[in-house]
Amino acid sequence: MSKDINLDKKLEYKGYWYLPSTPNVKVAGILTYYPNEKIILELIGSFNGDMFDNNQENIIYGNTSDAKSITLIKCFKSTSLNFSAGFPIVRYKCDYLLIGKHIGGLDEKRQYSANIRIPELSYWCHPEALQTRLSFDKNSKQISQISISFHTKHENNKDIICNVQVNDNTSIILRKGIDYTGISLTPQIEQYTYIKILKRNKSSIIDLLADIRTFEYFLTFATFDIVKSSDITIFEKETDIQEDEESQYTIINLIHPFTERKSIHNDDRIHYYLFNYLSIKDFYAEMLKKWYNIPDDLYPIRSHLINSIKKQELYSSVDFLIVIQAIEGFWWRFRDESYHEKKSISTKNKTSLKTLLNELIAEFKDIELIAIANINIAAVVDSRHYYSHFLPKCNKPKTLDGIELLKESRKIRVLLICCILSFIGIQNYQINTIFKKSNLKLL
């Protein structure tokens, strides 16, 4: 992203604003981005003279005082009128802010690519973009010199950590980067990992956002923490040039006020992950490819898993239901009739929760965490039925609550993780390796 744009600080742009359909009707106003909260455009007047018209504007264009072209997407109107002032203030709350070009909409197909920074990514996959060399004094054997160096331009794509073509049109590339700022007395060097999305054919920004969201879900799963992009820079290819000549592209900075986005400042705390890049390096490419090609009907199961990861101060029965229902959904969707015949299980629509839990646990019995978890199936079944239907508790005597329900939820969450990893092609022995290398306390 442009060096003068910091998403942790308020941004303000003064200029003239207009609708694509009426470019000659320009209204003065101020656009303000409030970090992780909202994007507000305040106009002195209105576009059509009717200040009480509450129509939503899908697109608003702006030309700012510092010569920037701005596109605002999905703008919702509100109006305030001060009779003493004699003119109205019209406000728009906008979903997306694009700095750098006037575009026709998020669904407009162009030759786009994108660079995306996610704060957690550099810790999950260390960039190793800085080279440090120590020199020692021959007599004292003490360090006499420390040299830190980095490449200002990488040749032969040496800044690429891993390039994965997830489908015929899309490549997701892990790359290393360097930011060098400051003055001679206080230089600042930051190394980071980012992803680059390349599209072979023309695609829309909606397509890019879908790819970004899919990677965010993957990294959320890997880090066991909700992650959001902190920097989305889009490159639009205007002429027939080489891929890496980004200076020949139109650069568009996209801002969306994610409420869950973390600060982009460095964070030196210990990071507890389910797995990091090094622990899955050998099968990362195949894993990511399958993650990007998950069938649509697995999305709700994946979303339930993501929701179960969210850190929260209070734990309720609803959180338990999210996990157990995701496990049930996985069973009903991906254990077909041939599986039932092979296992001599009664017809699919009559399979009990007890049976499906027993079968899934048996599938992963050689995974150490599943073996030591000792899931209380009877308690899980009773708790599932009680909290779903609020039957008389005497009818479900093994129902759990409080800390006991939390402990059992963590156990079945491990089972759900195994289901998801297995579905995207990870073998049981690899799942075992992932769990053993993880510093995350799953149980």
Protein backbone atom coordinates (compact mmCIF):
# COMPACT_ATOMS: atom_id res chain seq x y z
CA MET A 1 0.00 0.00 0.00
CA SER A 2 1.06 3.58 -0.51
CA LYS A 3 3.49 4.75 2.15
CA ASP A 4 1.18 7.65 3.10
CA ILE A 5 -1.72 5.30 3.88
CA ASN A 6 -1.79 3.76 7.34
CA LEU A 7 -4.96 1.81 8.12
CA ASP A 8 -4.37 2.27 11.85
CA LYS A 9 -4.75 6.04 11.46
CA LYS A 10 -7.66 8.17 10.34
CA LEU A 11 -7.54 9.14 6.67
CA GLU A 12 -9.16 12.28 5.30
CA TYR A 13 -9.65 13.43 1.71
CA LYS A 14 -11.11 16.78 0.62
CA GLY A 15 -12.42 17.15 -2.88
CA TYR A 16 -15.30 17.17 -5.33
CA TRP A 17 -17.66 14.20 -5.58
CA TYR A 18 -20.10 13.13 -8.26
CA LEU A 19 -22.17 10.26 -9.62
CA PRO A 20 -20.99 8.41 -12.76
CA SER A 21 -24.31 9.23 -14.46
CA THR A 22 -23.99 13.00 -13.83
CA PRO A 23 -20.27 13.88 -14.00
CA ASN A 24 -21.00 17.60 -14.37
CA VAL A 25 -22.85 17.79 -11.04
CA LYS A 26 -19.99 17.96 -8.54
CA VAL A 27 -20.45 18.52 -4.81
CA ALA A 28 -17.71 19.54 -2.38
CA GLY A 29 -17.14 17.33 0.60
CA ILE A 30 -14.81 15.44 2.91
CA LEU A 31 -14.21 11.68 2.96
CA THR A 32 -13.05 10.18 6.27
CA TYR A 33 -11.85 6.66 7.05
CA TYR A 34 -12.14 5.74 10.73
CA PRO A 35 -9.77 2.82 11.45
CA ASN A 36 -11.60 -0.52 11.60
CA GLU A 37 -14.96 1.26 11.98
CA LYS A 38 -16.41 3.07 8.98
CA ILE A 39 -15.95 5.13 5.82
CA ILE A 40 -17.97 8.38 5.83
CA LEU A 41 -18.44 10.89 3.01
CA GLU A 42 -19.86 14.28 4.08
CA LEU A 43 -21.15 16.54 1.31
CA ILE A 44 -22.16 20.19 1.52
CA GLY A 45 -25.30 19.80 -0.56
CA SER A 46 -26.66 16.87 -2.56
CA PHE A 47 -26.23 15.37 -6.02
CA ASN A 48 -29.81 15.82 -7.21
CA GLY A 49 -31.11 18.72 -5.13
CA ASP A 50 -33.37 16.44 -3.08
CA MET A 51 -31.59 16.18 0.23
CA PHE A 52 -34.28 13.91 1.70
CA ASP A 53 -33.95 11.30 -1.03
CA ASN A 54 -32.52 8.31 0.84
CA ASN A 55 -31.56 6.30 -2.21
CA GLN A 56 -28.46 4.15 -1.95
CA GLU A 57 -25.72 5.05 -4.41
CA ASN A 58 -23.83 2.03 -5.68
CA ILE A 59 -20.89 4.13 -6.91
CA ILE A 60 -19.62 7.65 -6.13
CA TYR A 61 -16.54 9.12 -7.80
CA GLY A 62 -14.20 11.67 -6.23
CA ASN A 63 -11.29 13.88 -7.26
CA THR A 64 -9.31 14.96 -4.22
CA SER A 65 -7.27 18.04 -3.44
CA ASP A 66 -4.07 15.97 -3.71
CA ALA A 67 -5.02 14.73 -7.21
CA LYS A 68 -6.22 11.27 -6.26
CA SER A 69 -9.02 9.49 -8.09
CA ILE A 70 -11.38 7.75 -5.66
CA THR A 71 -14.22 5.28 -6.09
CA LEU A 72 -16.70 4.65 -3.28
CA ILE A 73 -18.80 1.48 -3.44
CA LYS A 74 -22.18 0.77 -1.80
CA CYS A 75 -22.92 4.14 -0.22
CA PHE A 76 -25.86 4.53 2.18
CA LYS A 77 -27.29 8.02 2.62
CA SER A 78 -28.38 10.04 5.63
CA THR A 79 -29.11 13.77 5.84
CA SER A 80 -28.90 16.43 8.53
CA LEU A 81 -30.25 19.94 8.18
CA ASN A 82 -29.24 22.97 10.22
CA PHE A 83 -31.81 25.70 9.43
CA SER A 84 -29.43 28.36 10.78
CA ALA A 85 -26.73 27.37 8.29
CA GLY A 86 -29.04 27.33 5.29
CA PHE A 87 -27.53 24.29 3.58
CA PRO A 88 -27.77 20.54 4.23
CA ILE A 89 -25.01 18.12 5.15
CA VAL A 90 -25.51 14.85 3.30
CA ARG A 91 -23.65 11.84 4.69
CA TYR A 92 -22.89 8.53 3.04
CA LYS A 93 -21.61 5.48 4.86
CA CYS A 94 -19.60 3.45 2.34
CA ASP A 95 -18.60 -0.20 2.28
CA TYR A 96 -15.52 0.09 0.07
CA LEU A 97 -12.99 2.81 -0.69
CA LEU A 98 -10.73 2.46 -3.74
CA ILE A 99 -7.90 4.95 -4.13
CA GLY A 100 -6.18 5.33 -7.49
CA LYS A 101 -8.83 4.98 -10.18
CA HIS A 102 -12.49 5.41 -11.05
CA ILE A 103 -13.84 1.92 -11.72
CA GLY A 104 -17.23 0.77 -12.98
CA GLY A 105 -17.91 -1.56 -10.06
CA LEU A 106 -16.56 -4.51 -8.09
CA ASP A 107 -17.94 -6.91 -10.70
CA GLU A 108 -16.19 -5.19 -13.62
CA LYS A 109 -13.75 -7.63 -15.25
CA ARG A 110 -10.22 -6.38 -15.83
CA GLN A 111 -6.72 -7.83 -15.93
CA TYR A 112 -6.25 -7.57 -12.16
CA SER A 113 -3.67 -8.97 -9.78
CA ALA A 114 -3.26 -8.16 -6.09
CA ASN A 115 -0.77 -7.99 -3.23
CA ILE A 116 -2.22 -8.71 0.21
CA ARG A 117 -0.67 -8.28 3.63
CA ILE A 118 -2.08 -10.05 6.68
CA PRO A 119 -0.44 -9.26 10.04
CA GLU A 120 -0.29 -12.90 11.19
CA LEU A 121 1.18 -14.17 7.91
CA SER A 122 4.76 -13.04 8.58
CA TYR A 123 4.78 -14.95 11.87
CA TRP A 124 3.12 -18.01 10.34
CA CYS A 125 5.62 -18.04 7.44
CA HIS A 126 8.81 -16.19 8.32
CA PRO A 127 10.02 -14.15 5.33
CA GLU A 128 13.78 -14.57 5.94
CA ALA A 129 14.33 -11.56 3.71
CA LEU A 130 17.12 -10.10 5.87
CA GLN A 131 20.60 -11.59 5.91
CA THR A 132 22.58 -11.05 9.12
CA ARG A 133 26.35 -11.58 9.27
CA LEU A 134 28.43 -11.44 12.43
CA SER A 135 32.15 -10.64 12.50
CA PHE A 136 34.28 -11.57 15.52
CA ASP A 137 37.40 -9.94 16.94
CA LYS A 138 40.34 -12.32 16.54
CA ASN A 139 41.73 -11.60 20.00
CA SER A 140 38.70 -11.16 22.26
CA LYS A 141 36.43 -13.48 20.26
CA GLN A 142 33.68 -10.94 20.84
CA ILE A 143 31.34 -9.72 18.14
CA SER A 144 32.99 -6.76 16.45
CA GLN A 145 30.59 -6.08 13.60
CA ILE A 146 27.00 -6.86 12.66
CA SER A 147 25.98 -6.53 9.03
CA ILE A 148 22.34 -6.63 7.93
CA SER A 149 21.62 -6.77 4.22
CA PHE A 150 18.70 -7.35 1.90
CA HIS A 151 17.98 -7.36 -1.82
CA THR A 152 16.32 -4.25 -3.22
CA LYS A 153 15.29 -6.20 -6.31
CA HIS A 154 14.99 -9.95 -6.59
CA GLU A 155 16.10 -11.67 -9.75
CA ASN A 156 14.67 -14.93 -11.07
CA ASN A 157 11.76 -14.67 -8.63
CA LYS A 158 14.00 -15.33 -5.62
CA ASP A 159 11.51 -13.46 -3.45
CA ILE A 160 8.97 -16.25 -4.04
CA ILE A 161 8.57 -18.62 -1.11
CA CYS A 162 5.95 -20.84 -2.74
CA ASN A 163 3.80 -20.53 -5.87
CA VAL A 164 0.58 -22.57 -5.93
CA GLN A 165 -1.72 -22.68 -8.94
CA VAL A 166 -5.02 -23.43 -7.21
CA ASN A 167 -7.06 -23.59 -10.43
CA ASP A 168 -6.72 -22.89 -14.16
CA ASN A 169 -7.07 -19.14 -13.65
CA THR A 170 -5.57 -18.41 -10.23
CA SER A 171 -2.16 -18.63 -8.56
CA ILE A 172 -1.61 -17.87 -4.87
CA ILE A 173 2.01 -16.90 -4.26
CA LEU A 174 3.79 -16.52 -0.92
CA ARG A 175 6.43 -13.81 -1.27
CA LYS A 176 8.91 -12.01 0.97
CA GLY A 177 9.17 -8.24 1.12
CA ILE A 178 11.15 -5.41 2.73
CA ASP A 179 10.09 -1.94 3.88
CA TYR A 180 12.96 0.49 4.46
CA THR A 181 11.91 3.81 5.99
CA GLY A 182 13.20 6.47 8.33
CA ILE A 183 16.17 8.83 8.09
CA SER A 184 19.90 8.25 8.37
CA LEU A 185 19.96 8.47 12.17
CA THR A 186 16.89 6.30 12.74
CA PRO A 187 16.49 3.87 9.85
CA GLN A 188 13.69 1.34 10.12
CA ILE A 189 13.72 -1.99 8.32
CA GLU A 190 10.73 -4.32 8.30
CA GLN A 191 10.66 -7.70 6.61
CA TYR A 192 7.32 -9.33 5.95
CA THR A 193 5.55 -12.10 4.08
CA TYR A 194 2.64 -11.32 1.78
CA ILE A 195 0.55 -13.14 -0.79
CA LYS A 196 0.23 -12.24 -4.43
CA ILE A 197 -2.81 -13.32 -6.42
CA LEU A 198 -2.27 -13.68 -10.16
CA LYS A 199 -5.11 -14.20 -12.62
CA ARG A 200 -4.52 -15.66 -16.08
CA ASN A 201 -7.76 -14.25 -17.49
CA LYS A 202 -9.71 -11.09 -16.81
CA SER A 203 -11.39 -11.18 -13.40
CA SER A 204 -13.33 -8.86 -11.14
CA ILE A 205 -12.42 -7.37 -7.78
CA ILE A 206 -15.20 -9.55 -6.35
CA ASP A 207 -13.23 -12.57 -7.60
CA LEU A 208 -10.09 -11.25 -5.91
CA LEU A 209 -11.95 -10.62 -2.65
CA ALA A 210 -13.30 -14.18 -2.73
CA ASP A 211 -9.75 -15.52 -3.14
CA ILE A 212 -8.53 -13.29 -0.32
CA ARG A 213 -11.34 -14.43 1.97
CA THR A 214 -10.55 -18.08 1.22
CA PHE A 215 -6.90 -17.54 2.19
CA GLU A 216 -7.96 -15.68 5.34
CA TYR A 217 -10.07 -18.71 6.28
CA PHE A 218 -7.08 -20.98 5.66
CA LEU A 219 -4.79 -18.84 7.81
CA THR A 220 -7.47 -18.59 10.50
CA PHE A 221 -7.63 -22.39 10.56
CA ALA A 222 -3.82 -22.64 10.70
CA THR A 223 -3.30 -20.00 13.40
CA PHE A 224 -6.50 -20.70 15.36
CA ASP A 225 -7.15 -16.98 15.43
CA ILE A 226 -9.40 -14.78 13.31
CA VAL A 227 -7.27 -12.99 10.69
CA LYS A 228 -8.13 -10.18 8.29
CA SER A 229 -6.14 -8.44 5.58
CA SER A 230 -4.46 -5.20 6.61
CA ASP A 231 -3.40 -4.12 3.13
CA ILE A 232 -4.98 -4.90 -0.26
CA THR A 233 -3.19 -3.40 -3.26
CA ILE A 234 -4.67 -4.14 -6.68
CA PHE A 235 -2.72 -3.84 -9.92
CA GLU A 236 -4.58 -3.34 -13.18
CA LYS A 237 -2.63 -4.21 -16.30
CA GLU A 238 -3.16 -1.48 -18.87
CA THR A 239 -0.73 -2.59 -21.60
CA ASP A 240 0.94 -5.76 -22.83
CA ILE A 241 3.87 -5.88 -20.43
CA GLN A 242 5.72 -8.43 -18.34
CA GLU A 243 4.11 -9.64 -15.09
CA ASP A 244 6.69 -8.22 -12.71
CA GLU A 245 6.75 -4.70 -14.17
CA GLU A 246 4.30 -3.40 -11.57
CA SER A 247 5.37 0.19 -12.23
CA GLN A 248 3.48 -0.09 -15.53
CA TYR A 249 0.25 -1.02 -13.78
CA THR A 250 -2.47 1.22 -12.43
CA ILE A 251 -2.26 0.83 -8.65
CA ILE A 252 -5.51 0.77 -6.68
CA ASN A 253 -5.56 0.68 -2.87
CA LEU A 254 -8.69 -1.02 -1.56
CA ILE A 255 -9.95 -0.24 1.94
CA HIS A 256 -12.78 -2.01 3.74
CA PRO A 257 -13.30 -1.25 7.45
CA PHE A 258 -12.93 -4.77 8.89
CA THR A 259 -13.93 -4.56 12.54
CA GLU A 260 -11.82 -7.64 13.35
CA ARG A 261 -8.68 -6.44 11.59
CA LYS A 262 -5.58 -6.37 13.76
CA SER A 263 -2.98 -3.64 13.95
CA ILE A 264 -0.21 -3.91 11.38
CA HIS A 265 2.37 -3.07 14.04
CA ASN A 266 4.93 -5.72 14.94
CA ASP A 267 3.87 -8.18 17.60
CA ASP A 268 6.65 -10.06 19.38
CA ARG A 269 4.44 -12.23 21.56
CA ILE A 270 4.62 -16.01 21.39
CA HIS A 271 2.28 -17.28 18.70
CA TYR A 272 0.30 -20.45 19.30
CA TYR A 273 -0.65 -22.08 16.02
CA LEU A 274 -2.28 -25.32 14.95
CA PHE A 275 0.43 -25.47 12.29
CA ASN A 276 2.83 -23.06 10.60
CA TYR A 277 4.30 -23.06 7.12
CA LEU A 278 7.43 -24.98 8.05
CA SER A 279 5.45 -27.82 9.64
CA ILE A 280 3.42 -28.38 6.45
CA LYS A 281 5.96 -27.19 3.88
CA ASP A 282 6.17 -30.57 2.14
CA PHE A 283 2.44 -30.73 1.43
CA TYR A 284 1.43 -27.05 1.66
CA ALA A 285 0.84 -26.70 -2.09
CA GLU A 286 -1.51 -29.67 -2.32
CA MET A 287 -3.24 -28.66 0.90
CA LEU A 288 -3.89 -25.10 -0.31
CA LYS A 289 -5.09 -26.30 -3.71
CA LYS A 290 -7.69 -28.55 -2.10
CA TRP A 291 -8.69 -25.80 0.34
CA TYR A 292 -9.46 -23.51 -2.60
CA ASN A 293 -11.47 -26.22 -4.32
CA ILE A 294 -13.66 -27.24 -1.39
CA PRO A 295 -17.24 -27.92 -2.59
CA ASP A 296 -19.75 -25.19 -1.85
CA ASP A 297 -21.67 -27.44 0.53
CA LEU A 298 -18.64 -27.71 2.83
CA TYR A 299 -18.60 -23.92 3.35
CA PRO A 300 -21.08 -24.01 6.29
CA ILE A 301 -19.00 -26.72 8.00
CA ARG A 302 -15.83 -24.69 7.50
CA SER A 303 -17.62 -21.58 8.79
CA HIS A 304 -18.73 -23.46 11.90
CA LEU A 305 -15.13 -24.50 12.50
CA ILE A 306 -13.96 -20.89 12.09
CA ASN A 307 -16.68 -19.71 14.50
CA SER A 308 -15.56 -22.29 17.07
CA ILE A 309 -12.05 -20.80 16.97
CA LYS A 310 -13.06 -17.27 17.93
CA LYS A 311 -11.64 -16.19 21.27
CA GLN A 312 -14.35 -15.19 23.73
CA GLU A 313 -14.66 -14.40 27.40
CA LEU A 314 -17.81 -16.45 27.96
CA TYR A 315 -18.52 -19.95 26.67
CA SER A 316 -22.10 -21.12 26.13
CA SER A 317 -24.00 -24.17 24.94
CA VAL A 318 -24.38 -22.47 21.56
CA ASP A 319 -20.60 -22.77 21.07
CA PHE A 320 -20.83 -26.49 21.79
CA LEU A 321 -23.67 -26.85 19.28
CA ILE A 322 -21.65 -25.09 16.58
CA VAL A 323 -18.96 -27.78 16.79
CA ILE A 324 -21.18 -30.85 17.09
CA GLN A 325 -23.48 -29.69 14.29
CA ALA A 326 -20.45 -29.17 12.04
CA ILE A 327 -19.37 -32.76 12.76
CA GLU A 328 -22.86 -34.02 11.98
CA GLY A 329 -22.93 -31.99 8.77
CA PHE A 330 -19.60 -33.45 7.72
CA TRP A 331 -20.93 -36.98 8.27
CA TRP A 332 -24.19 -36.49 6.42
CA ARG A 333 -22.51 -34.81 3.46
CA PHE A 334 -19.35 -36.86 2.99
CA ARG A 335 -20.13 -40.36 4.21
CA ASP A 336 -22.19 -41.77 1.34
CA GLU A 337 -24.13 -45.01 0.93
CA SER A 338 -21.07 -46.98 -0.23
CA TYR A 339 -19.35 -46.04 3.03
CA HIS A 340 -22.35 -47.29 5.00
CA GLU A 341 -22.42 -50.57 3.09
CA LYS A 342 -18.69 -51.10 3.60
CA LYS A 343 -19.03 -50.45 7.34
CA SER A 344 -22.29 -52.42 7.62
CA ILE A 345 -24.05 -49.36 9.00
CA SER A 346 -27.81 -49.06 8.77
CA THR A 347 -29.28 -46.78 6.11
CA LYS A 348 -27.88 -43.28 6.14
CA ASN A 349 -31.04 -41.49 7.25
CA LYS A 350 -31.27 -43.71 10.34
CA THR A 351 -27.70 -43.35 11.55
CA SER A 352 -27.68 -42.20 15.16
CA LEU A 353 -25.38 -39.52 16.56
CA LYS A 354 -23.78 -42.19 18.73
CA THR A 355 -22.97 -44.31 15.69
CA LEU A 356 -21.50 -41.51 13.61
CA LEU A 357 -19.31 -40.34 16.50
CA ASN A 358 -18.07 -43.89 17.06
CA GLU A 359 -17.30 -44.28 13.35
CA LEU A 360 -15.45 -40.97 13.03
CA ILE A 361 -13.43 -41.62 16.18
CA ALA A 362 -12.52 -45.05 14.76
CA GLU A 363 -11.34 -43.41 11.51
CA PHE A 364 -8.84 -41.31 13.47
CA LYS A 365 -8.02 -43.78 16.24
CA ASP A 366 -4.32 -43.81 15.29
CA ILE A 367 -4.10 -40.07 15.94
CA GLU A 368 -2.67 -39.58 19.40
CA LEU A 369 -4.83 -36.62 20.42
CA ILE A 370 -8.01 -38.52 19.55
CA ALA A 371 -6.79 -41.55 21.48
CA ILE A 372 -6.01 -39.62 24.65
CA ALA A 373 -9.07 -37.37 24.41
CA ASN A 374 -11.35 -40.23 25.48
CA ILE A 375 -14.45 -38.48 24.16
CA ASN A 376 -17.50 -39.15 26.33
CA ILE A 377 -19.89 -40.07 23.54
CA ALA A 378 -22.91 -40.58 25.80
CA ALA A 379 -22.43 -37.13 27.34
CA VAL A 380 -21.96 -35.50 23.93
CA VAL A 381 -25.15 -37.13 22.61
CA ASP A 382 -27.25 -36.14 25.63
CA SER A 383 -25.85 -32.59 25.60
CA ARG A 384 -26.52 -32.26 21.86
CA HIS A 385 -30.18 -33.26 22.22
CA TYR A 386 -30.77 -31.31 25.42
CA TYR A 387 -29.35 -27.98 24.20
CA SER A 388 -30.96 -28.36 20.76
CA HIS A 389 -34.47 -29.16 21.99
CA PHE A 390 -34.39 -28.32 25.74
CA LEU A 391 -35.90 -31.64 26.67
CA PRO A 392 -36.45 -32.37 30.35
CA LYS A 393 -32.97 -32.78 31.77
CA CYS A 394 -34.03 -35.94 33.56
CA ASN A 395 -34.46 -37.52 30.10
CA LYS A 396 -30.85 -36.66 29.23
CA PRO A 397 -29.03 -37.38 32.50
CA LYS A 398 -25.51 -37.21 31.04
CA THR A 399 -25.94 -33.61 29.82
CA LEU A 400 -22.90 -31.48 30.60
CA ASP A 401 -22.65 -27.80 31.48
CA GLY A 402 -20.08 -25.29 32.66
CA ILE A 403 -16.41 -26.25 32.56
CA GLU A 404 -17.24 -29.89 31.77
CA LEU A 405 -19.11 -28.87 28.63
CA LEU A 406 -16.16 -26.67 27.61
CA LYS A 407 -13.69 -29.55 28.05
CA GLU A 408 -15.81 -31.94 26.00
CA SER A 409 -16.29 -29.27 23.32
CA ARG A 410 -12.53 -28.97 22.94
CA LYS A 411 -12.26 -32.72 22.49
CA ILE A 412 -14.85 -32.90 19.72
CA ARG A 413 -13.30 -29.82 18.13
CA VAL A 414 -10.13 -31.89 17.67
CA LEU A 415 -12.30 -34.47 15.93
CA LEU A 416 -13.71 -31.76 13.65
CA ILE A 417 -10.18 -30.57 12.83
CA CYS A 418 -9.27 -34.13 11.87
CA CYS A 419 -12.33 -34.30 9.60
CA ILE A 420 -11.40 -31.08 7.81
CA LEU A 421 -7.72 -32.00 7.43
CA SER A 422 -8.65 -35.44 6.15
CA PHE A 423 -11.07 -33.97 3.64
CA ILE A 424 -8.40 -31.72 2.10
CA GLY A 425 -6.12 -34.71 1.60
CA ILE A 426 -4.01 -34.86 4.76
CA GLN A 427 -3.27 -38.45 5.82
CA ASN A 428 -3.60 -39.58 9.43
CA TYR A 429 0.16 -39.81 9.94
CA GLN A 430 0.49 -36.23 8.65
CA ILE A 431 -2.28 -35.07 11.00
CA ASN A 432 -0.36 -36.72 13.83
CA THR A 433 2.76 -34.82 12.78
CA ILE A 434 0.84 -31.53 12.64
CA PHE A 435 -0.52 -32.04 16.16
CA LYS A 436 2.89 -33.04 17.55
CA LYS A 437 4.61 -29.98 16.07
CA SER A 438 1.84 -27.62 17.14
CA ASN A 439 2.40 -25.44 20.22
CA LEU A 440 -1.36 -24.95 20.56
CA LYS A 441 -3.08 -26.47 23.59
CA LEU A 442 -6.00 -28.18 21.89
CA LEU A 443 -7.21 -30.17 24.91
